[in-house]
């Protein structure tokens, strides 16, 4: 793996990356990984499109909440609660997904990163490697939509206030637990959901925290970093060398590239931007700017580079070359 990483240390004028033994576009799970693949796919990949559609369909309840606060009659409060109820259901589903993500990521990384030879692990477990990329793609998509829904947290805050006042509960009268215990459970869940959505990019934050905890507990910083660098290299090679892929493949690879860079920047002590980083930031920016005109607005160079700019850890470090920093900040 050391040879692979040294091969990634490219000069600014170079665009070549090592050829890896797997292709994300055609990767399928083998027999050995199928059981874990099916489990993680059902929890982390298959729910993704539905959750994104729910978030796209989110309707703010600002007017109803404003009326209920200005004139807190039972009728106004009911209208406000009815308006925020679908949002509460959406956030519960999203938070459940985040819980599955926190549980599933260590299992995934345990297969892809244990043993030291990450390249071999990726080649043997191509289905899980593709699944990891699918999760990164979803994380970018979700957080992009969440940032475009600034009233989401305000709607949920109103629900929490009503919950604390005892005015609202989603539990029906036939619940087997007592009313007090039910209220305590619901209030605790509401608090955790509120903390989760308080971050501008909550799904990425959850992913960073989970992977950082996995790395620290298992002393696998290098292996996890190598895995993220390999995903970056694969996506970079796809969009920079293969001229026949469609816009869906291009946007997928660019999003996975971006999230891989951000995660690597949080996992590696030196970050992703220092001079000897295995991830070539200059060429990444060039590819984003070159491929992007073909893509829809959501995946514009400005949006992709903003994700790097605002979620990175080491971009403004003294070890980051000035020309690299300026390149990321320029768009």
Protein backbone atom coordinates (compact mmCIF):
# COMPACT_ATOMS: atom_id res chain seq x y z
CA UNK A 1 0.00 0.00 0.00
CA UNK A 2 2.96 2.31 0.60
CA UNK A 3 3.81 2.06 -3.10
CA UNK A 4 0.23 3.02 -3.98
CA UNK A 5 0.30 6.06 -1.71
CA UNK A 6 3.70 7.19 -2.95
CA UNK A 7 2.31 6.90 -6.47
CA UNK A 8 -0.45 9.32 -5.57
CA UNK A 9 1.99 12.07 -4.64
CA UNK A 10 1.68 13.89 -7.95
CA UNK A 11 3.25 17.14 -8.99
CA UNK A 12 0.90 19.95 -9.80
CA UNK A 13 1.39 19.56 -13.55
CA UNK A 14 0.64 15.84 -13.58
CA UNK A 15 -2.81 14.37 -14.04
CA UNK A 16 -2.03 10.66 -13.92
CA UNK A 17 -3.04 8.50 -10.97
CA UNK A 18 -2.27 4.81 -10.42
CA UNK A 19 -4.68 2.35 -12.00
CA UNK A 20 -6.48 0.42 -9.28
CA UNK A 21 -7.83 -3.08 -9.70
CA UNK A 22 -11.50 -2.16 -9.44
CA UNK A 23 -14.03 -0.02 -11.26
CA UNK A 24 -16.77 1.70 -9.27
CA UNK A 25 -19.06 1.80 -12.30
CA UNK A 26 -19.18 -1.99 -12.72
CA UNK A 27 -18.41 -3.17 -9.16
CA UNK A 28 -20.61 -5.97 -7.82
CA UNK A 29 -20.39 -7.86 -4.51
CA UNK A 30 -18.70 -11.25 -4.44
CA UNK A 31 -19.97 -14.22 -2.44
CA UNK A 32 -17.72 -13.54 0.56
CA UNK A 33 -18.99 -9.99 1.06
CA UNK A 34 -22.60 -10.57 0.05
CA UNK A 35 -24.09 -11.00 3.53
CA UNK A 36 -22.61 -7.77 4.90
CA UNK A 37 -23.28 -6.00 1.60
CA UNK A 38 -26.99 -6.89 1.69
CA UNK A 39 -27.35 -5.76 5.29
CA UNK A 40 -25.56 -2.45 4.79
CA UNK A 41 -27.26 -1.83 1.46
CA UNK A 42 -30.69 -2.23 3.06
CA UNK A 43 -29.77 0.22 5.83
CA UNK A 44 -27.49 2.76 4.13
CA UNK A 45 -28.13 2.72 0.37
CA UNK A 46 -31.71 1.69 -0.34
CA UNK A 47 -33.31 4.29 2.04
CA UNK A 48 -31.31 7.11 0.45
CA UNK A 49 -33.51 8.09 -2.52
CA UNK A 50 -36.65 8.03 -0.37
CA UNK A 51 -35.09 10.26 2.29
CA UNK A 52 -33.92 12.73 -0.35
CA UNK A 53 -37.42 12.87 -1.84
CA UNK A 54 -38.90 13.51 1.60
CA UNK A 55 -36.47 16.38 2.14
CA UNK A 56 -37.16 17.78 -1.32
CA UNK A 57 -40.87 17.75 -0.46
CA UNK A 58 -40.40 19.59 2.83
CA UNK A 59 -42.90 22.44 3.28
CA UNK A 60 -41.98 25.12 5.87
CA UNK A 61 -44.52 25.85 8.58
CA UNK A 62 -43.27 29.39 9.22
CA UNK A 63 -46.63 31.13 8.70
CA UNK A 64 -48.56 28.75 10.95
CA UNK A 65 -45.92 28.96 13.68
CA UNK A 66 -45.85 32.75 13.46
CA UNK A 67 -49.63 32.90 13.90
CA UNK A 68 -49.53 30.45 16.82
CA UNK A 69 -46.87 32.48 18.62
CA UNK A 70 -48.54 35.84 17.95
CA UNK A 71 -51.98 34.54 18.96
CA UNK A 72 -51.64 31.22 20.86
CA UNK A 73 -55.24 30.04 20.57
CA UNK A 74 -55.98 26.29 20.51
CA UNK A 75 -56.97 26.59 16.86
CA UNK A 76 -53.74 28.35 15.85
CA UNK A 77 -51.60 25.94 17.84
CA UNK A 78 -53.33 22.96 16.25
CA UNK A 79 -52.77 24.38 12.78
CA UNK A 80 -49.09 24.91 13.60
CA UNK A 81 -48.68 21.42 15.01
CA UNK A 82 -50.46 19.90 12.03
CA UNK A 83 -48.08 21.82 9.76
CA UNK A 84 -44.90 20.69 11.56
CA UNK A 85 -46.03 17.09 12.03
CA UNK A 86 -44.80 15.90 8.59
CA UNK A 87 -41.45 17.58 9.27
CA UNK A 88 -41.14 15.73 12.58
CA UNK A 89 -41.79 12.44 10.80
CA UNK A 90 -39.16 13.28 8.16
CA UNK A 91 -36.57 14.13 10.78
CA UNK A 92 -37.26 10.94 12.71
CA UNK A 93 -36.61 8.91 9.56
CA UNK A 94 -33.45 10.90 8.86
CA UNK A 95 -32.19 10.47 12.42
CA UNK A 96 -32.86 6.74 12.24
CA UNK A 97 -30.75 6.60 9.08
CA UNK A 98 -27.95 8.50 10.84
CA UNK A 99 -28.07 5.94 13.66
CA UNK A 100 -27.72 3.13 11.11
CA UNK A 101 -24.81 5.04 9.56
CA UNK A 102 -23.02 5.26 12.89
CA UNK A 103 -23.52 1.54 13.41
CA UNK A 104 -22.75 0.40 9.85
CA UNK A 105 -19.67 2.46 8.97
CA UNK A 106 -17.34 0.67 11.44
CA UNK A 107 -18.44 -2.70 10.02
CA UNK A 108 -17.75 -1.48 6.50
CA UNK A 109 -14.36 0.02 7.35
CA UNK A 110 -13.42 -3.08 9.30
CA UNK A 111 -13.53 -5.06 6.05
CA UNK A 112 -12.00 -2.44 3.77
CA UNK A 113 -9.23 -1.20 6.07
CA UNK A 114 -8.11 -4.04 8.36
CA UNK A 115 -4.91 -5.95 7.60
CA UNK A 116 -2.88 -3.11 6.13
CA UNK A 117 -3.28 -3.94 2.42
CA UNK A 118 -6.13 -1.61 1.53
CA UNK A 119 -5.67 -2.00 -2.23
CA UNK A 120 -6.13 -5.76 -1.92
CA UNK A 121 -9.14 -5.28 0.35
CA UNK A 122 -10.80 -2.97 -2.17
CA UNK A 123 -10.13 -5.33 -5.05
CA UNK A 124 -11.53 -8.30 -3.09
CA UNK A 125 -14.56 -6.39 -1.83
CA UNK A 126 -15.59 -4.29 -4.80
CA UNK A 127 -19.25 -4.38 -3.85
CA UNK A 128 -18.50 -2.88 -0.43
CA UNK A 129 -16.15 -0.32 -2.00
CA UNK A 130 -18.97 0.79 -4.30
CA UNK A 131 -21.37 0.81 -1.35
CA UNK A 132 -18.99 3.13 0.53
CA UNK A 133 -18.96 5.45 -2.48
CA UNK A 134 -22.78 5.33 -2.63
CA UNK A 135 -22.93 6.43 1.01
CA UNK A 136 -20.56 9.34 0.36
CA UNK A 137 -22.73 10.38 -2.58
CA UNK A 138 -25.85 10.32 -0.38
CA UNK A 139 -24.12 12.33 2.36
CA UNK A 140 -23.28 15.09 -0.12
CA UNK A 141 -26.81 15.10 -1.56
CA UNK A 142 -28.50 15.14 1.83
CA UNK A 143 -26.43 17.94 3.33
CA UNK A 144 -26.80 20.01 0.16
CA UNK A 145 -30.58 19.79 0.48
CA UNK A 146 -30.51 20.40 4.21
CA UNK A 147 -28.55 23.63 3.78
CA UNK A 148 -31.25 24.80 1.38
CA UNK A 149 -33.92 24.27 4.07
CA UNK A 150 -32.98 26.84 6.76
CA UNK A 151 -36.44 26.77 8.39
CA UNK A 152 -36.21 23.06 9.14
CA UNK A 153 -34.66 23.58 12.56
CA UNK A 154 -37.11 26.35 13.47
CA UNK A 155 -40.06 24.10 12.66
CA UNK A 156 -38.67 21.34 14.84
CA UNK A 157 -37.93 23.80 17.65
CA UNK A 158 -41.63 24.68 17.77
CA UNK A 159 -42.50 21.00 18.04
CA UNK A 160 -40.04 20.65 20.93
CA UNK A 161 -41.55 23.61 22.76
CA UNK A 162 -45.03 22.12 22.45
CA UNK A 163 -43.68 18.74 23.50
CA UNK A 164 -42.17 20.23 26.66
CA UNK A 165 -45.46 21.95 27.42
CA UNK A 166 -47.27 18.65 27.12
CA UNK A 167 -49.38 19.81 24.19
CA UNK A 168 -48.33 17.23 21.66
CA UNK A 169 -47.26 13.63 21.43
CA UNK A 170 -47.08 11.32 18.46
CA UNK A 171 -47.72 8.31 20.65
CA UNK A 172 -51.26 7.02 20.50
CA UNK A 173 -53.41 6.14 23.52
CA UNK A 174 -52.77 2.43 23.13
CA UNK A 175 -49.02 2.63 23.81
CA UNK A 176 -47.99 0.01 26.35
CA UNK A 177 -45.55 2.27 28.19
CA UNK A 178 -46.80 4.80 30.74
CA UNK A 179 -47.50 8.38 29.70
CA UNK A 180 -44.57 9.65 31.78
CA UNK A 181 -42.11 7.16 30.36
CA UNK A 182 -43.39 7.80 26.86
CA UNK A 183 -42.96 11.55 27.31
CA UNK A 184 -39.41 11.07 28.59
CA UNK A 185 -38.47 8.85 25.64
CA UNK A 186 -39.96 11.25 23.12
CA UNK A 187 -38.33 14.28 24.74
CA UNK A 188 -34.92 12.56 24.75
CA UNK A 189 -35.26 11.66 21.08
CA UNK A 190 -36.32 15.21 20.25
CA UNK A 191 -33.25 16.59 22.02
CA UNK A 192 -30.93 14.28 20.08
CA UNK A 193 -32.61 15.11 16.77
CA UNK A 194 -32.32 18.82 17.56
CA UNK A 195 -28.58 18.47 18.23
CA UNK A 196 -28.18 16.50 15.01
CA UNK A 197 -29.86 19.03 12.70
CA UNK A 198 -28.18 22.01 14.39
CA UNK A 199 -25.10 21.43 12.21
CA UNK A 200 -25.13 22.90 8.69
CA UNK A 201 -23.99 19.53 7.30
CA UNK A 202 -25.28 17.02 9.87
CA UNK A 203 -24.79 13.82 7.88
CA UNK A 204 -21.17 14.67 7.08
CA UNK A 205 -20.60 15.65 10.72
CA UNK A 206 -21.98 12.28 11.82
CA UNK A 207 -19.73 10.51 9.32
CA UNK A 208 -16.63 12.42 10.43
CA UNK A 209 -17.32 11.69 14.10
CA UNK A 210 -17.99 8.00 13.46
CA UNK A 211 -14.90 7.45 11.31
CA UNK A 212 -12.69 9.44 13.70
CA UNK A 213 -13.90 7.30 16.60
CA UNK A 214 -13.27 4.11 14.58
CA UNK A 215 -9.76 5.27 13.67
CA UNK A 216 -8.86 6.17 17.25
CA UNK A 217 -10.20 2.96 18.74
CA UNK A 218 -8.53 0.69 16.19
CA UNK A 219 -5.38 2.69 15.41
CA UNK A 220 -6.20 2.57 11.70
CA UNK A 221 -5.60 6.17 10.69
CA UNK A 222 -3.25 5.21 7.86
CA UNK A 223 -5.44 2.42 6.48
CA UNK A 224 -8.61 4.52 6.54
CA UNK A 225 -6.70 7.39 4.95
CA UNK A 226 -5.41 5.03 2.26
CA UNK A 227 -8.96 3.85 1.60
CA UNK A 228 -10.24 7.41 1.18
CA UNK A 229 -7.28 8.28 -1.06
CA UNK A 230 -8.03 5.21 -3.19
CA UNK A 231 -11.68 6.24 -3.58
CA UNK A 232 -10.55 9.72 -4.57
CA UNK A 233 -8.07 8.27 -7.10
CA UNK A 234 -10.69 6.00 -8.64
CA UNK A 235 -13.22 8.80 -9.05
CA UNK A 236 -10.55 11.19 -10.32
CA UNK A 237 -9.44 8.67 -12.92
CA UNK A 238 -13.03 8.06 -14.03
CA UNK A 239 -13.87 11.70 -14.69
CA UNK A 240 -10.48 12.73 -16.05
CA UNK A 241 -9.71 9.77 -18.34
CA UNK A 242 -13.02 8.29 -19.39
CA UNK A 243 -14.65 10.72 -21.79
CA UNK A 244 -17.70 8.60 -22.52
CA UNK A 245 -19.41 8.57 -19.13
CA UNK A 246 -22.73 10.35 -18.77
CA UNK A 247 -23.50 13.28 -16.48
CA UNK A 248 -24.85 10.97 -13.75
CA UNK A 249 -21.54 9.15 -13.51
CA UNK A 250 -19.58 12.39 -13.64
CA UNK A 251 -21.62 14.03 -10.88
CA UNK A 252 -21.44 10.87 -8.76
CA UNK A 253 -17.65 10.74 -9.02
CA UNK A 254 -17.21 14.45 -8.31
CA UNK A 255 -19.37 14.26 -5.19
CA UNK A 256 -17.51 11.18 -3.92
CA UNK A 257 -14.21 12.94 -4.65
CA UNK A 258 -15.26 15.96 -2.61
CA UNK A 259 -16.48 13.99 0.41
CA UNK A 260 -13.37 11.76 0.28
CA UNK A 261 -11.18 14.88 0.41
CA UNK A 262 -13.08 16.30 3.38
CA UNK A 263 -13.00 13.01 5.30
CA UNK A 264 -9.30 12.51 4.58
CA UNK A 265 -8.63 16.05 5.80
CA UNK A 266 -10.23 15.17 9.14
CA UNK A 267 -8.64 11.71 9.48
CA UNK A 268 -5.03 12.42 8.57
CA UNK A 269 -3.03 14.51 11.10
CA UNK A 270 -1.54 16.55 8.25
CA UNK A 271 -4.81 16.89 6.37
CA UNK A 272 -5.45 16.70 2.64
CA UNK A 273 -3.83 19.97 1.55
CA UNK A 274 -0.18 19.76 2.58
CA UNK A 275 2.49 19.47 -0.09
CA UNK A 276 3.01 15.68 0.13
CA UNK A 277 -0.65 14.72 0.46
CA UNK A 278 -1.65 11.64 -1.58
CA UNK A 279 -4.66 13.65 -2.76
CA UNK A 280 -3.81 16.16 -5.45
CA UNK A 281 -5.98 19.16 -4.68
CA UNK A 282 -4.88 21.20 -7.71
CA UNK A 283 -5.88 18.52 -10.16
CA UNK A 284 -9.09 17.87 -8.25
CA UNK A 285 -10.12 21.51 -8.60
CA UNK A 286 -9.20 21.48 -12.30
CA UNK A 287 -11.33 18.38 -12.91
CA UNK A 288 -14.26 19.89 -11.00
CA UNK A 289 -14.06 23.05 -13.08
CA UNK A 290 -13.55 21.19 -16.37
CA UNK A 291 -16.26 18.54 -16.05
CA UNK A 292 -18.77 20.76 -14.28
CA UNK A 293 -20.20 22.79 -17.17
CA UNK A 294 -21.91 19.60 -18.37
CA UNK A 295 -23.70 19.12 -15.06
CA UNK A 296 -26.77 20.58 -13.37
CA UNK A 297 -26.56 23.58 -11.06
CA UNK A 298 -26.59 21.51 -7.86
CA UNK A 299 -23.19 20.11 -8.77
CA UNK A 300 -21.64 23.37 -9.96
CA UNK A 301 -17.97 24.00 -9.27
CA UNK A 302 -18.99 26.64 -6.74
CA UNK A 303 -21.14 24.18 -4.75
CA UNK A 304 -18.58 21.37 -4.85
CA UNK A 305 -15.68 23.60 -3.86
CA UNK A 306 -17.80 25.27 -1.17
CA UNK A 307 -18.27 21.83 0.39
CA UNK A 308 -14.47 21.48 0.58
CA UNK A 309 -13.95 25.04 1.75
CA UNK A 310 -16.47 25.07 4.58
CA UNK A 311 -16.05 21.50 5.84
CA UNK A 312 -12.27 21.13 5.75
CA UNK A 313 -10.11 21.08 8.85
CA UNK A 314 -6.65 21.97 7.55
CA UNK A 315 -7.25 24.25 4.56
CA UNK A 316 -6.06 27.35 6.44
CA UNK A 317 -3.10 25.65 8.13
CA UNK A 318 0.35 27.10 7.59
CA UNK A 319 1.37 23.81 5.95
CA UNK A 320 -1.13 24.34 3.14
CA UNK A 321 0.65 25.85 0.12
CA UNK A 322 -0.65 29.32 -0.60
CA UNK A 323 -1.43 28.53 -4.23
CA UNK A 324 -3.52 25.50 -3.18
CA UNK A 325 -5.45 27.53 -0.61
CA UNK A 326 -6.10 30.32 -3.09
CA UNK A 327 -7.26 27.85 -5.71
CA UNK A 328 -9.89 26.36 -3.38
CA UNK A 329 -11.00 29.77 -2.14
CA UNK A 330 -11.10 31.40 -5.56
CA UNK A 331 -14.39 29.93 -6.82
